Protein backbone atom coordinates (compact mmCIF):
# COMPACT_ATOMS: atom_id res chain seq x y z
CA SER A 1 -0.31 -5.31 8.81
CA ILE A 2 -3.50 -7.04 7.68
CA PRO A 3 -3.14 -10.75 6.88
CA GLU A 4 -3.78 -11.68 3.24
CA SER A 5 -5.88 -14.66 4.32
CA LEU A 6 -8.15 -12.48 6.47
CA THR A 7 -9.05 -10.03 3.72
CA ALA A 8 -9.64 -12.85 1.25
CA ARG A 9 -12.44 -14.18 3.49
CA LEU A 10 -14.30 -10.88 3.85
CA LEU A 11 -16.15 -11.36 0.58
CA ASN A 12 -19.41 -9.77 1.74
CA VAL A 13 -17.97 -6.73 3.48
CA VAL A 14 -19.38 -3.41 2.25
CA ALA A 15 -17.39 -0.94 4.38
CA LEU A 16 -13.82 -1.37 5.63
CA ASP A 17 -12.39 1.19 8.05
CA VAL A 18 -8.77 0.70 9.16
CA ARG A 19 -7.86 4.36 9.70
CA SER A 20 -5.44 5.64 12.35
CA ASN A 21 -3.18 2.62 12.57
CA GLN A 22 0.41 2.09 11.46
CA LEU A 23 -0.25 0.17 8.27
CA LYS A 24 2.65 0.32 5.82
CA PHE A 25 0.85 -1.61 3.09
CA LEU A 26 -2.51 -3.14 2.23
CA PRO A 27 -2.81 -6.83 1.29
CA ASN A 28 -3.19 -7.66 -2.39
CA SER A 29 -6.18 -9.79 -1.45
CA ILE A 30 -8.16 -6.58 -0.95
CA GLY A 31 -9.02 -7.00 -4.60
CA CYS A 32 -11.28 -9.90 -3.58
CA LEU A 33 -13.73 -7.48 -1.95
CA SER A 34 -16.03 -7.13 -4.93
CA LYS A 35 -18.89 -5.77 -2.80
CA LEU A 36 -16.82 -3.13 -1.01
CA LYS A 37 -18.32 0.37 -1.30
CA ILE A 38 -16.42 2.37 1.33
CA LEU A 39 -12.71 2.05 2.09
CA ASN A 40 -11.07 4.26 4.71
CA VAL A 41 -7.31 3.81 5.10
CA SER A 42 -6.54 7.35 6.26
CA SER A 43 -3.92 8.26 8.86
CA ASN A 44 -1.60 5.33 8.28
CA LEU A 45 1.90 4.98 6.84
CA LEU A 46 0.97 3.81 3.35
CA ARG A 47 3.36 4.68 0.53
CA THR A 48 1.41 2.94 -2.22
CA LEU A 49 -1.97 1.35 -2.82
CA PRO A 50 -2.05 -2.18 -4.23
CA LYS A 51 -2.91 -2.39 -7.92
CA THR A 52 -5.50 -5.03 -7.05
CA ILE A 53 -7.66 -2.29 -5.54
CA GLU A 54 -8.90 -1.83 -9.10
CA ASN A 55 -10.84 -5.08 -8.69
CA CYS A 56 -13.08 -3.46 -6.08
CA LYS A 57 -15.60 -2.60 -8.81
CA SER A 58 -18.32 -1.52 -6.37
CA LEU A 59 -16.13 1.02 -4.56
CA GLU A 60 -17.86 4.40 -4.20
CA GLU A 61 -15.67 6.16 -1.63
CA LEU A 62 -11.92 5.92 -1.10
CA ASN A 63 -10.31 7.86 1.74
CA ALA A 64 -6.51 7.66 1.82
CA ASN A 65 -5.86 11.00 3.54
CA PHE A 66 -2.82 11.51 5.76
CA ASN A 67 -0.52 8.82 4.47
CA GLN A 68 2.78 8.92 2.62
CA LEU A 69 1.50 8.15 -0.86
CA SER A 70 3.84 9.31 -3.60
CA VAL A 71 1.86 7.72 -6.47
CA LEU A 72 -1.54 6.22 -7.17
CA PRO A 73 -2.00 3.10 -9.33
CA ASP A 74 -1.62 4.16 -12.98
CA THR A 75 -4.83 2.54 -14.18
CA ILE A 76 -7.02 3.24 -11.14
CA GLY A 77 -9.41 5.38 -13.16
CA PHE A 78 -10.10 2.73 -15.78
CA GLU A 79 -11.60 0.23 -13.37
CA LEU A 80 -13.29 2.06 -10.45
CA ILE A 81 -16.21 3.19 -12.57
CA ASN A 82 -18.53 3.62 -9.55
CA LEU A 83 -16.17 5.78 -7.49
CA LYS A 84 -17.92 8.97 -6.32
CA LYS A 85 -15.45 10.38 -3.80
CA LEU A 86 -11.65 10.23 -3.90
CA SER A 87 -9.80 11.82 -0.98
CA VAL A 88 -6.01 11.73 -1.04
CA ASN A 89 -5.17 14.93 0.80
CA ALA A 90 -2.08 15.31 2.97
CA ASN A 91 0.17 12.91 1.06
CA LYS A 92 3.26 13.31 -1.13
CA LEU A 93 1.68 13.13 -4.57
CA SER A 94 3.43 15.11 -7.30
CA PHE A 95 0.87 14.15 -9.96
CA LEU A 96 -2.42 12.36 -10.46
CA PRO A 97 -2.54 9.52 -13.02
CA GLN A 98 -4.09 10.34 -16.39
CA SER A 99 -6.64 7.57 -15.85
CA ILE A 100 -8.30 9.75 -13.17
CA SER A 101 -10.05 11.53 -16.04
CA HIS A 102 -12.05 8.34 -16.72
CA LEU A 103 -13.83 8.36 -13.35
CA THR A 104 -17.12 9.47 -14.86
CA SER A 105 -19.10 8.90 -11.61
CA LEU A 106 -16.71 10.97 -9.49
CA ARG A 107 -18.36 13.83 -7.57
CA VAL A 108 -15.61 14.88 -5.15
CA LEU A 109 -11.86 14.98 -5.77
CA ASP A 110 -9.82 16.19 -2.81
CA ALA A 111 -6.07 16.34 -3.47
CA ARG A 112 -5.08 19.29 -1.28
CA LEU A 113 -1.94 19.34 0.83
CA ASN A 114 0.23 17.42 -1.63
CA CYS A 115 3.03 18.47 -3.97
CA LEU A 116 1.06 18.43 -7.22
CA ARG A 117 2.88 20.06 -10.11
CA PHE A 118 0.11 19.65 -12.66
CA LEU A 119 -3.33 18.13 -13.20
CA PRO A 120 -4.30 15.73 -15.98
CA GLU A 121 -4.92 17.62 -19.21
CA ASP A 122 -8.00 15.68 -20.30
CA MET A 123 -10.46 16.13 -17.45
CA GLU A 124 -13.56 16.67 -19.58
CA ASN A 125 -14.89 13.17 -18.88
CA LEU A 126 -15.49 14.03 -15.21
CA ILE A 127 -19.01 15.11 -16.09
CA ASN A 128 -20.38 14.53 -12.55
CA LEU A 129 -17.57 16.21 -10.63
CA GLU A 130 -19.04 18.79 -8.23
CA VAL A 131 -16.11 19.59 -5.91
CA LEU A 132 -12.46 19.90 -6.93
CA ASN A 133 -9.95 20.83 -4.23
CA VAL A 134 -6.27 21.09 -5.17
CA SER A 135 -5.35 23.81 -2.68
CA GLN A 136 -2.16 24.11 -0.64
CA ASN A 137 0.16 22.08 -2.82
CA PHE A 138 3.17 23.87 -1.36
CA GLN A 139 3.28 26.27 -4.29
CA CYS A 140 4.17 23.51 -6.73
CA LEU A 141 1.03 23.90 -8.84
CA GLU A 142 1.51 26.71 -11.39
CA ASN A 143 -1.08 25.98 -14.10
CA LEU A 144 -4.58 24.59 -14.45
CA PRO A 145 -5.70 22.56 -17.48
CA TYR A 146 -7.96 24.26 -19.99
CA SER A 147 -10.32 21.28 -19.82
CA LEU A 148 -11.63 22.54 -16.45
CA GLY A 149 -14.18 24.50 -18.47
CA LEU A 150 -15.77 21.20 -19.53
CA LEU A 151 -16.55 20.10 -15.97
CA VAL A 152 -20.23 20.81 -16.52
CA SER A 153 -21.33 19.84 -12.97
CA LEU A 154 -18.61 21.69 -11.04
CA VAL A 155 -19.98 23.70 -8.10
CA GLU A 156 -16.88 24.29 -5.95
CA LEU A 157 -13.31 24.90 -7.13
CA ASP A 158 -10.52 25.50 -4.61
CA VAL A 159 -7.07 26.28 -6.02
CA SER A 160 -5.91 28.49 -3.15
CA TYR A 161 -2.33 28.68 -1.89
CA ASN A 162 -0.56 27.54 -5.01
CA LYS A 163 1.56 29.39 -7.56
CA ILE A 164 -1.07 30.07 -10.20
CA THR A 165 -0.68 33.35 -12.12
CA SER A 166 -3.70 33.05 -14.42
CA LEU A 167 -6.95 31.12 -14.56
CA PRO A 168 -7.82 29.37 -17.82
CA ASP A 169 -10.46 31.30 -19.80
CA SER A 170 -12.62 28.19 -19.94
CA ILE A 171 -13.54 28.64 -16.25
CA GLY A 172 -15.85 31.39 -17.46
CA CYS A 173 -18.00 28.65 -19.01
CA LEU A 174 -18.73 26.84 -15.74
CA LYS A 175 -22.44 27.58 -15.44
CA LYS A 176 -22.95 25.75 -12.12
CA LEU A 177 -19.87 27.14 -10.35
CA GLN A 178 -20.90 28.78 -7.08
CA LYS A 179 -17.70 28.85 -5.07
CA LEU A 180 -14.22 29.77 -6.28
CA CYS A 181 -11.27 29.92 -3.86
CA VAL A 182 -8.13 31.57 -5.24
CA GLU A 183 -6.49 33.13 -2.20
CA GLY A 184 -2.74 32.83 -1.80
CA ASN A 185 -1.87 32.79 -5.53
CA PRO A 186 0.13 35.44 -7.46
CA LEU A 187 -2.81 35.91 -9.83
CA VAL A 188 -2.50 38.41 -12.68
CA SER A 189 -5.44 37.27 -14.82
CA PRO A 190 -8.17 38.04 -13.98
CA PRO A 191 -6.93 41.18 -12.20
CA MET A 192 -7.74 41.65 -8.54
CA GLU A 193 -10.32 44.38 -9.18
CA VAL A 194 -12.40 41.83 -11.08
CA PHE A 195 -12.24 39.33 -8.24
CA GLU A 196 -13.36 42.02 -5.82
CA GLN A 197 -16.63 42.42 -7.71
CA SER A 198 -18.22 38.97 -7.87
CA LEU A 199 -17.93 35.49 -9.27
CA GLN A 200 -20.20 36.57 -12.11
CA ALA A 201 -17.75 39.35 -12.99
CA VAL A 202 -14.92 36.81 -13.12
CA LYS A 203 -16.92 34.55 -15.43
CA GLU A 204 -17.76 37.46 -17.72
CA TYR A 205 -14.13 38.60 -17.82
CA LEU A 206 -12.89 35.14 -18.79
CA SER A 207 -15.69 34.63 -21.31
CA GLU A 208 -14.91 37.97 -22.94
CA LYS A 209 -11.27 36.99 -23.13
CA MET A 210 -12.19 33.71 -24.80
CA LYS A 211 -14.60 35.45 -27.16
CA ALA A 212 -11.84 37.85 -28.18
CA GLY A 213 -9.63 34.89 -29.08
CA GLN A 214 -6.91 35.78 -26.59
CA SER A 215 -6.31 32.19 -25.54
CA PRO A 216 -3.03 30.55 -26.57
CA PRO A 217 -3.31 28.88 -30.03
CA LYS A 218 -2.82 25.39 -28.68
CA LYS A 219 -5.96 25.80 -26.60
CA GLN A 220 -8.26 27.05 -29.35
CA SER A 221 -9.43 23.52 -30.10
CA TRP A 222 -11.17 23.45 -26.72
CA VAL A 223 -13.56 26.21 -27.75
CA GLY A 224 -15.38 23.85 -30.11
CA LYS A 225 -15.80 21.33 -27.30
CA LEU A 226 -17.11 24.03 -24.97
CA VAL A 227 -19.70 25.05 -27.55
CA LYS A 228 -20.69 21.43 -28.14
CA CYS A 229 -21.20 20.92 -24.39
CA GLY A 230 -23.36 24.04 -24.27
CA THR A 231 -21.12 25.81 -21.76
CA PHE A 232 -20.00 28.50 -24.19
CA ASN A 233 -21.87 30.15 -27.05
CA GLY A 234 -19.76 33.23 -27.63
CA LYS A 235 -22.31 35.44 -25.90
CA ILE A 236 -22.07 36.98 -22.48
CA GLY A 237 -25.13 36.69 -20.30
CA GLY A 238 -26.37 39.50 -18.12
CA ARG A 239 -26.12 39.60 -14.39
CA PRO A 240 -28.82 37.67 -12.55
CA ARG A 241 -31.46 39.60 -10.69
CA GLY A 242 -31.57 39.65 -6.94
CA GLY A 243 -27.86 39.77 -6.18
CA ARG A 244 -24.54 38.29 -7.18
CA GLU A 245 -24.06 34.81 -8.48
CA GLY A 246 -21.94 32.66 -6.21
CA PHE A 247 -18.98 34.01 -4.31
CA ILE A 248 -15.20 34.05 -4.41
CA MET A 249 -12.85 33.35 -1.53
CA ILE A 250 -9.99 35.85 -1.65
CA SER A 251 -9.31 37.85 1.48
CA GLU A 252 -11.26 35.54 3.76
CA TYR A 253 -10.35 31.87 3.70
CA ARG A 254 -12.75 29.26 4.97
CA SER A 255 -12.78 25.55 4.71
CA ILE A 256 -14.19 22.91 2.42
CA GLU A 257 -14.51 19.94 4.78
CA GLY A 258 -12.05 21.19 7.37
CA LEU A 259 -9.51 22.97 5.19
CA ALA A 260 -6.75 24.64 7.22
CA SER A 261 -7.00 28.41 7.65
CA PRO A 262 -4.14 30.83 6.88
CA ARG A 263 -3.18 31.34 10.52
CA TYR A 264 -2.31 27.65 10.67
CA MET A 265 -0.22 27.69 7.48
CA ALA A 266 2.94 27.57 9.58
CA LEU A 267 1.90 24.09 10.64
CA LEU A 268 1.89 22.85 7.08
CA SER A 269 5.59 22.38 6.51
CA PRO A 270 6.35 18.90 5.13
CA ARG A 271 8.30 18.02 8.26
CA ARG A 272 5.38 18.79 10.55
CA LEU A 273 2.69 17.57 8.21
CA PHE A 274 4.06 14.07 7.80
CA SER A 275 5.23 13.61 11.36
CA PRO A 276 3.49 10.53 12.85
CA ARG A 277 2.89 12.51 16.03
CA LYS A 278 0.94 15.36 14.49
CA TYR A 279 -2.26 15.31 12.51
CA LEU A 280 -4.41 18.16 11.32
CA THR A 281 -7.95 18.10 12.57
CA LYS A 282 -11.07 20.00 11.82
């Protein structure tokens, strides 16, 4: 444990690294660290984060990987307006709080190796998000929100090893997307022959589907927002000269920041994953 009185006196600390211990909780006085920019509490035994963490207004990077978190503070996204990187992989999260969608400065969201069943519906406010990794959620994640198409800065999207059967059409509007990982899903739409061509082919397929009005009625309202954001104009652009745009990870699976490869999937059972004696490494 960390004494409440100790944390309360660290008022000028900018980076706090307490990873690889046996911490079961963090002191509430951590909210006194108004100048804290980097907090690393990974590889501990934390089941929750104190709500007072929201008072760390200067926080830019939060690493809570390899713990036993089942929930995040409900209002965490309303207060940490400067947060740029949120890493909560290898926990027991079944959902992310809706307030996550208010982290407008967020650039990296890593929530792989959890038990996520869904993502927040309204993610369009994450205008600076560049990397989204929700892979390997033990096949609990079946659908992706349509609002992904409004992530105007997204460069990398990893949804591999889930239970997703179709990608939302709005993904075809992600102009900056360069890397799309979909391996290990029972995907039907787009069909595999489209994936085998290029990322550009996938974008064109999804854009054509949107243009044809094949999206479910409840999602039609998003089209107006996509047009307003300039990510969709109803026209399909030609292929860029000099090669394919971006690439898709299907048959070959490589890592984003040390992601586990398929041959190690057997190691990812919940019993092994959360054992205090075993940790995944790069």
